[in-house]
Amino acid sequence: MAENPDGLDFTTRPTTSADWRGLDAFLQDLTVRAVRAVDGADACSVTMNRDGRLVSAAGSDDEALKLDSLQYEADAGPCVCSVRDGRNQYAPDLAAEQRWSPYPEQAATYGIGSVLAAPLKVNATTLGALNLYAHHPRAFEPHEGSIGRLADQAAGAVAVAARIQEERTEADDLRAAMLSRAVIDQAIGIVMARRCCPEDEALATLRRASQHRNIKLRDLCWELVQHTGGTPPGPKSFPRRP
């Protein structure tokens, strides 16, 4: 194992600061730095389990992503088994590998000699796998245990990054929902003023118009508010409703 080149530390956790670039960027950086940190590694990728489907969330290069894709297509290979079994899966010499056919033969055509997939586990949950590829056979034999420990450290950082991403997505969804509610409330007020009718009747009118035009109520209200006010509605345009 390289002696921590470029200050790599998988225990470093992302933060919620303004410079947070997102989960995909974090994972991409992880793969690039892993190649630098592990002697013999030529490529690296991160497989993530998303709603029961395995996807490559990041790769140090296009070759790593293609090598992952071959495993998904065959539903067999080190990274597939690592995610499913929650254990290191090491193919020291693809030319002699008897497991996961036809993947070893396919990977060998790319000049890959050995593959090591280490699970990204938090407690009893396997989030994905850190996949390392080398052109030479037996490249990871001296480092298998160390790579497993690196993957354990990386898993904690990935879990934190995923939670940050989820929290930001939820916040964006909440802001969108609040804006939609504000737009609908404003449209109801416009109809009430024009028709001199109560709130429930104004809402029913908007719903009928939405059904008649076959568009979402939110979009209809957006058009009405924009047409009435002359500018697109925005979050600052709507006072809090009593």
Protein backbone atom coordinates (compact mmCIF):
# COMPACT_ATOMS: atom_id res chain seq x y z
CA MET A 1 0.00 0.00 0.00
CA ALA A 2 1.33 3.43 -0.86
CA GLU A 3 2.27 5.52 2.14
CA ASN A 4 -0.79 7.77 2.07
CA PRO A 5 0.19 9.77 -1.04
CA ASP A 6 -1.36 13.23 -1.50
CA GLY A 7 -2.74 13.10 2.04
CA LEU A 8 -5.52 10.67 1.23
CA ASP A 9 -7.74 9.99 4.23
CA PHE A 10 -10.94 8.05 3.70
CA THR A 11 -11.99 8.89 7.25
CA THR A 12 -12.48 12.51 6.20
CA ARG A 13 -16.18 13.28 6.18
CA PRO A 14 -17.89 15.73 3.83
CA THR A 15 -19.65 18.64 5.46
CA THR A 16 -22.80 20.64 4.80
CA SER A 17 -20.79 23.73 3.83
CA ALA A 18 -21.65 25.84 0.82
CA ASP A 19 -18.88 24.27 -1.27
CA TRP A 20 -20.55 20.84 -1.16
CA ARG A 21 -20.65 19.73 -4.82
CA GLY A 22 -22.91 16.71 -4.49
CA LEU A 23 -22.66 12.97 -3.98
CA ASP A 24 -21.56 12.18 -7.56
CA ALA A 25 -18.64 14.62 -7.37
CA PHE A 26 -17.63 13.21 -3.98
CA LEU A 27 -17.61 9.64 -5.31
CA GLN A 28 -15.70 10.67 -8.42
CA ASP A 29 -12.99 12.21 -6.26
CA LEU A 30 -12.95 9.03 -4.16
CA THR A 31 -12.17 6.81 -7.17
CA VAL A 32 -9.37 9.03 -8.45
CA ARG A 33 -7.70 9.24 -5.07
CA ALA A 34 -8.07 5.49 -4.47
CA VAL A 35 -6.05 4.76 -7.63
CA ARG A 36 -3.29 7.01 -6.32
CA ALA A 37 -3.38 5.42 -2.88
CA VAL A 38 -3.26 1.73 -3.83
CA ASP A 39 -0.07 0.32 -5.34
CA GLY A 40 -0.76 -1.54 -8.57
CA ALA A 41 -4.24 -0.10 -9.13
CA ASP A 42 -4.85 1.20 -12.65
CA ALA A 43 -8.55 2.03 -12.37
CA CYS A 44 -11.27 2.29 -9.74
CA SER A 45 -15.03 2.60 -9.63
CA VAL A 46 -17.81 2.74 -7.07
CA THR A 47 -20.84 0.49 -7.45
CA MET A 48 -23.93 1.63 -5.54
CA ASN A 49 -27.07 -0.30 -4.72
CA ARG A 50 -29.93 2.02 -5.62
CA ASP A 51 -33.39 0.62 -5.06
CA GLY A 52 -32.15 -2.92 -5.66
CA ARG A 53 -30.35 -2.02 -8.89
CA LEU A 54 -26.56 -1.90 -9.20
CA VAL A 55 -25.18 1.20 -10.90
CA SER A 56 -21.73 2.72 -11.30
CA ALA A 57 -21.91 5.98 -9.40
CA ALA A 58 -18.37 7.01 -10.35
CA GLY A 59 -15.25 5.80 -12.12
CA SER A 60 -11.67 6.97 -12.36
CA ASP A 61 -11.91 6.53 -16.15
CA ASP A 62 -14.19 5.15 -18.86
CA GLU A 63 -12.48 1.77 -18.75
CA ALA A 64 -13.53 1.24 -15.12
CA LEU A 65 -17.14 2.06 -15.97
CA LYS A 66 -17.11 -0.38 -18.90
CA LEU A 67 -15.64 -3.14 -16.73
CA ASP A 68 -18.46 -2.55 -14.25
CA SER A 69 -21.08 -2.58 -16.99
CA LEU A 70 -19.92 -6.00 -18.21
CA GLN A 71 -20.60 -7.39 -14.73
CA TYR A 72 -24.07 -5.89 -14.53
CA GLU A 73 -24.95 -7.30 -17.95
CA ALA A 74 -23.76 -10.77 -16.94
CA ASP A 75 -25.23 -10.40 -13.43
CA ALA A 76 -21.93 -11.87 -12.23
CA GLY A 77 -18.52 -10.61 -11.23
CA PRO A 78 -16.52 -9.40 -8.23
CA CYS A 79 -18.42 -6.15 -7.68
CA VAL A 80 -21.83 -7.83 -8.08
CA CYS A 81 -20.96 -10.55 -5.55
CA SER A 82 -19.29 -8.09 -3.18
CA VAL A 83 -22.46 -6.01 -2.92
CA ARG A 84 -24.68 -9.06 -2.57
CA ASP A 85 -22.51 -10.99 -0.12
CA GLY A 86 -20.98 -8.08 1.78
CA ARG A 87 -17.47 -9.56 1.48
CA ASN A 88 -14.25 -8.89 -0.40
CA GLN A 89 -14.22 -10.55 -3.82
CA TYR A 90 -10.76 -11.00 -5.31
CA ALA A 91 -9.89 -12.35 -8.74
CA PRO A 92 -6.07 -12.54 -8.60
CA ASP A 93 -5.58 -13.81 -12.16
CA LEU A 94 -8.42 -13.39 -14.64
CA ALA A 95 -6.71 -15.66 -17.13
CA ALA A 96 -7.14 -18.56 -14.69
CA GLU A 97 -10.42 -17.43 -13.07
CA GLN A 98 -13.19 -20.04 -13.18
CA ARG A 99 -15.92 -17.97 -11.50
CA TRP A 100 -18.33 -15.42 -12.98
CA SER A 101 -18.23 -16.56 -16.61
CA PRO A 102 -18.18 -14.85 -19.09
CA TYR A 103 -16.85 -11.82 -17.21
CA PRO A 104 -13.19 -12.93 -16.76
CA GLU A 105 -12.76 -13.48 -20.48
CA GLN A 106 -14.42 -10.17 -21.30
CA ALA A 107 -12.31 -8.21 -18.81
CA ALA A 108 -9.14 -9.86 -20.09
CA THR A 109 -9.79 -8.38 -23.53
CA TYR A 110 -9.29 -4.96 -21.90
CA GLY A 111 -5.90 -6.05 -20.59
CA ILE A 112 -7.11 -6.48 -17.00
CA GLY A 113 -5.19 -9.05 -15.00
CA SER A 114 -6.76 -8.79 -11.54
CA VAL A 115 -9.82 -7.31 -9.85
CA LEU A 116 -10.65 -6.64 -6.22
CA ALA A 117 -14.08 -5.50 -5.04
CA ALA A 118 -14.47 -4.47 -1.38
CA PRO A 119 -17.94 -3.83 0.07
CA LEU A 120 -18.90 -0.39 1.37
CA LYS A 121 -20.68 -1.42 4.57
CA VAL A 122 -22.21 0.61 7.37
CA ASN A 123 -23.19 -1.64 10.24
CA ALA A 124 -25.06 -4.51 8.55
CA THR A 125 -26.01 -2.55 5.42
CA THR A 126 -23.97 -2.83 2.22
CA LEU A 127 -24.21 0.46 0.34
CA GLY A 128 -22.12 -0.67 -2.62
CA ALA A 129 -18.57 -1.68 -3.46
CA LEU A 130 -15.21 -0.10 -4.13
CA ASN A 131 -13.82 -1.80 -7.25
CA LEU A 132 -10.11 -1.79 -8.08
CA TYR A 133 -8.70 -2.94 -11.43
CA ALA A 134 -5.11 -3.74 -12.35
CA HIS A 135 -3.46 -4.69 -15.63
CA HIS A 136 -1.12 -7.11 -13.87
CA PRO A 137 -2.18 -10.41 -12.22
CA ARG A 138 -1.97 -10.66 -8.42
CA ALA A 139 -1.62 -6.91 -8.11
CA PHE A 140 -3.60 -6.67 -4.88
CA GLU A 141 -2.48 -9.82 -3.09
CA PRO A 142 -0.23 -8.04 -0.57
CA HIS A 143 -2.87 -5.37 0.10
CA GLU A 144 -6.22 -7.17 0.28
CA GLY A 145 -6.67 -6.61 4.01
CA SER A 146 -5.56 -2.97 3.83
CA ILE A 147 -7.93 -2.29 0.92
CA GLY A 148 -10.78 -3.79 2.93
CA ARG A 149 -10.00 -1.40 5.78
CA LEU A 150 -9.88 1.52 3.36
CA ALA A 151 -13.30 0.49 2.04
CA ASP A 152 -14.65 0.40 5.61
CA GLN A 153 -13.41 3.94 6.17
CA ALA A 154 -14.75 5.10 2.81
CA ALA A 155 -18.17 3.60 3.57
CA GLY A 156 -18.66 5.98 6.50
CA ALA A 157 -17.83 8.98 4.32
CA VAL A 158 -20.12 7.72 1.54
CA ALA A 159 -22.98 7.28 4.02
CA VAL A 160 -22.56 10.86 5.26
CA ALA A 161 -22.36 12.17 1.67
CA ALA A 162 -25.50 10.26 0.72
CA ARG A 163 -27.34 11.69 3.71
CA ILE A 164 -26.30 15.23 2.79
CA GLN A 165 -27.55 14.63 -0.76
CA GLU A 166 -30.84 13.26 0.54
CA GLU A 167 -31.32 16.21 2.90
CA ARG A 168 -30.67 18.68 0.12
CA THR A 169 -33.09 16.90 -2.20
CA GLU A 170 -35.76 16.95 0.50
CA ALA A 171 -35.14 20.66 1.09
CA ASP A 172 -35.47 21.38 -2.65
CA ASP A 173 -38.70 19.35 -2.78
CA LEU A 174 -40.05 21.26 0.22
CA ARG A 175 -39.25 24.62 -1.37
CA ALA A 176 -40.96 23.54 -4.58
CA ALA A 177 -44.02 22.39 -2.64
CA MET A 178 -44.18 25.68 -0.72
CA LEU A 179 -43.94 27.68 -3.94
CA SER A 180 -46.68 25.58 -5.53
CA ARG A 181 -48.93 26.13 -2.52
CA ALA A 182 -48.23 29.86 -2.63
CA VAL A 183 -49.04 30.04 -6.35
CA ILE A 184 -52.31 28.15 -5.85
CA ASP A 185 -53.26 30.44 -2.94
CA GLN A 186 -52.55 33.52 -5.04
CA ALA A 187 -54.62 32.16 -7.94
CA ILE A 188 -57.50 31.44 -5.57
CA GLY A 189 -57.33 35.05 -4.40
CA ILE A 190 -57.43 36.31 -7.99
CA VAL A 191 -60.53 34.24 -8.79
CA MET A 192 -62.22 35.32 -5.53
CA ALA A 193 -61.64 38.98 -6.41
CA ARG A 194 -62.86 38.60 -9.99
CA ARG A 195 -65.96 36.53 -9.20
CA CYS A 196 -66.72 37.84 -5.74
CA CYS A 197 -66.97 34.25 -4.53
CA PRO A 198 -65.78 32.34 -1.44
CA GLU A 199 -62.49 30.45 -1.34
CA ASP A 200 -63.89 26.96 -1.84
CA GLU A 201 -65.82 28.05 -4.92
CA ALA A 202 -62.72 29.71 -6.37
CA LEU A 203 -60.71 26.52 -5.86
CA ALA A 204 -63.45 24.45 -7.49
CA THR A 205 -63.40 26.79 -10.48
CA LEU A 206 -59.66 26.38 -10.86
CA ARG A 207 -59.93 22.60 -10.63
CA ARG A 208 -62.61 22.47 -13.32
CA ALA A 209 -60.47 24.63 -15.59
CA SER A 210 -57.47 22.39 -14.91
CA GLN A 211 -59.44 19.27 -15.87
CA HIS A 212 -60.94 20.92 -18.92
CA ARG A 213 -57.52 21.97 -20.23
CA ASN A 214 -55.89 18.73 -19.08
CA ILE A 215 -53.03 20.46 -17.27
CA LYS A 216 -51.94 20.32 -13.67
CA LEU A 217 -53.64 22.67 -11.23
CA ARG A 218 -50.25 24.08 -10.23
CA ASP A 219 -49.40 24.94 -13.85
CA LEU A 220 -52.80 26.53 -14.45
CA CYS A 221 -52.40 28.70 -11.35
CA TRP A 222 -48.89 29.65 -12.43
CA GLU A 223 -50.24 30.90 -15.78
CA LEU A 224 -53.02 32.86 -14.09
CA VAL A 225 -50.70 34.57 -11.62
CA GLN A 226 -48.15 35.38 -14.32
CA HIS A 227 -50.85 36.77 -16.64
CA THR A 228 -52.36 38.86 -13.85
CA GLY A 229 -49.12 40.20 -12.39
CA GLY A 230 -47.12 40.43 -15.59
CA THR A 231 -44.12 38.55 -14.13
CA PRO A 232 -43.46 34.90 -13.24
CA PRO A 233 -44.36 34.12 -9.64
CA GLY A 234 -41.49 33.51 -7.23
CA PRO A 235 -41.03 32.61 -3.57
CA LYS A 236 -40.65 36.25 -2.52
CA SER A 237 -43.89 37.23 -4.28
CA PHE A 238 -46.15 35.48 -1.80
CA PRO A 239 -46.71 36.59 1.77
CA ARG A 240 -47.42 33.88 4.32
CA ARG A 241 -51.09 33.04 4.36
CA PRO A 242 -52.86 33.46 7.73
